[in-house]
Amino acid sequence: MQTTLDVQGMTCENCETKVKQALESLEGVTGVEVHINTGSVDVTYDNAQVTIGEMRKAVEEKGYRVVV
């Protein structure tokens, strides 16, 4: 499956890296593409292993806000 998260607060490459690593660390996430200029993050995942809520929590734990 694929979803796009709207992540607020990303301003630099370091932010991009933090968000990408947070999502890639989750079991079931197979791909992450961060678009810092739009604040969107495309995530490819197996919904049998990870939920959008878990992805949101992982990003928010790094200090960013996910808008649903």
C-alpha atoms as a PDB file:
ATOM      1  CA  MET A   1       0.000   0.000   0.000  1.00  0.00           C
ATOM      2  CA  GLN A   2       0.992   3.607  -0.319  1.00  0.00           C
ATOM      3  CA  THR A   3      -0.001   6.735   1.574  1.00  0.00           C
ATOM      4  CA  THR A   4       1.103  10.342   1.671  1.00  0.00           C
ATOM      5  CA  LEU A   5       1.629  11.998   5.040  1.00  0.00           C
ATOM      6  CA  ASP A   6       1.424  15.783   5.411  1.00  0.00           C
ATOM      7  CA  VAL A   7       4.299  16.615   7.772  1.00  0.00           C
ATOM      8  CA  GLN A   8       4.656  20.100   9.219  1.00  0.00           C
ATOM      9  CA  GLY A   9       7.880  21.516  10.605  1.00  0.00           C
ATOM     10  CA  MET A  10      10.416  20.134   8.134  1.00  0.00           C
ATOM     11  CA  THR A  11      12.783  22.937   7.141  1.00  0.00           C
ATOM     12  CA  CYS A  12      16.094  21.362   6.139  1.00  0.00           C
ATOM     13  CA  GLU A  13      17.893  18.212   5.019  1.00  0.00           C
ATOM     14  CA  ASN A  14      18.409  17.187   8.652  1.00  0.00           C
ATOM     15  CA  CYS A  15      14.630  17.254   9.147  1.00  0.00           C
ATOM     16  CA  GLU A  16      14.199  15.172   6.009  1.00  0.00           C
ATOM     17  CA  THR A  17      16.692  12.613   7.304  1.00  0.00           C
ATOM     18  CA  LYS A  18      15.025  12.367  10.735  1.00  0.00           C
ATOM     19  CA  VAL A  19      11.585  11.782   9.252  1.00  0.00           C
ATOM     20  CA  LYS A  20      12.885   9.242   6.738  1.00  0.00           C
ATOM     21  CA  GLN A  21      14.812   7.290   9.398  1.00  0.00           C
ATOM     22  CA  ALA A  22      11.840   7.316  11.783  1.00  0.00           C
ATOM     23  CA  LEU A  23       9.596   5.770   9.159  1.00  0.00           C
ATOM     24  CA  GLU A  24      12.176   3.334   7.769  1.00  0.00           C
ATOM     25  CA  SER A  25      12.740   1.970  11.278  1.00  0.00           C
ATOM     26  CA  LEU A  26       9.171   0.658  11.383  1.00  0.00           C
ATOM     27  CA  GLU A  27       8.593  -2.961  10.471  1.00  0.00           C
ATOM     28  CA  GLY A  28       6.506  -3.116   7.327  1.00  0.00           C
ATOM     29  CA  VAL A  29       7.646   0.188   5.798  1.00  0.00           C
ATOM     30  CA  THR A  30       9.338  -0.612   2.495  1.00  0.00           C
ATOM     31  CA  GLY A  31       9.838   2.821   0.973  1.00  0.00           C
ATOM     32  CA  VAL A  32       9.948   6.479   2.025  1.00  0.00           C
ATOM     33  CA  GLU A  33      10.229   9.521  -0.198  1.00  0.00           C
ATOM     34  CA  VAL A  34      10.329  12.920   1.515  1.00  0.00           C
ATOM     35  CA  HIS A  35       9.364  16.064  -0.380  1.00  0.00           C
ATOM     36  CA  ILE A  36      10.631  18.818   1.906  1.00  0.00           C
ATOM     37  CA  ASN A  37       9.424  21.620  -0.389  1.00  0.00           C
ATOM     38  CA  THR A  38       5.783  20.487  -0.076  1.00  0.00           C
ATOM     39  CA  GLY A  39       5.933  18.877   3.367  1.00  0.00           C
ATOM     40  CA  SER A  40       4.659  15.598   2.000  1.00  0.00           C
ATOM     41  CA  VAL A  41       6.062  12.154   2.630  1.00  0.00           C
ATOM     42  CA  ASP A  42       5.164   9.217   0.389  1.00  0.00           C
ATOM     43  CA  VAL A  43       5.281   5.936   2.294  1.00  0.00           C
ATOM     44  CA  THR A  44       5.053   2.445   0.823  1.00  0.00           C
ATOM     45  CA  TYR A  45       4.120  -0.131   3.437  1.00  0.00           C
ATOM     46  CA  ASP A  46       2.534  -3.448   4.290  1.00  0.00           C
ATOM     47  CA  ASN A  47      -0.679  -2.672   6.168  1.00  0.00           C
ATOM     48  CA  ALA A  48      -0.548  -6.115   7.795  1.00  0.00           C
ATOM     49  CA  GLN A  49       2.602  -5.005   9.647  1.00  0.00           C
ATOM     50  CA  VAL A  50       2.245  -1.276  10.300  1.00  0.00           C
ATOM     51  CA  THR A  51      -0.575   1.253  10.604  1.00  0.00           C
ATOM     52  CA  ILE A  52      -0.777   4.878   9.578  1.00  0.00           C
ATOM     53  CA  GLY A  53      -1.196   5.676  13.278  1.00  0.00           C
ATOM     54  CA  GLU A  54       2.145   4.031  14.046  1.00  0.00           C
ATOM     55  CA  MET A  55       3.784   6.007  11.241  1.00  0.00           C
ATOM     56  CA  ARG A  56       2.282   9.220  12.569  1.00  0.00           C
ATOM     57  CA  LYS A  57       3.517   8.472  16.088  1.00  0.00           C
ATOM     58  CA  ALA A  58       7.055   7.732  14.846  1.00  0.00           C
ATOM     59  CA  VAL A  59       7.227  11.069  12.996  1.00  0.00           C
ATOM     60  CA  GLU A  60       5.677  13.042  15.860  1.00  0.00           C
ATOM     61  CA  GLU A  61       8.173  11.527  18.316  1.00  0.00           C
ATOM     62  CA  LYS A  62      10.894  13.252  16.229  1.00  0.00           C
ATOM     63  CA  GLY A  63       9.219  16.624  16.847  1.00  0.00           C
ATOM     64  CA  TYR A  64       7.137  17.075  13.694  1.00  0.00           C
ATOM     65  CA  ARG A  65       3.395  17.346  13.253  1.00  0.00           C
ATOM     66  CA  VAL A  66       1.456  15.024  10.974  1.00  0.00           C
ATOM     67  CA  VAL A  67      -1.781  16.530   9.647  1.00  0.00           C
ATOM     68  CA  VAL A  68      -4.497  14.077   8.707  1.00  0.00           C
END
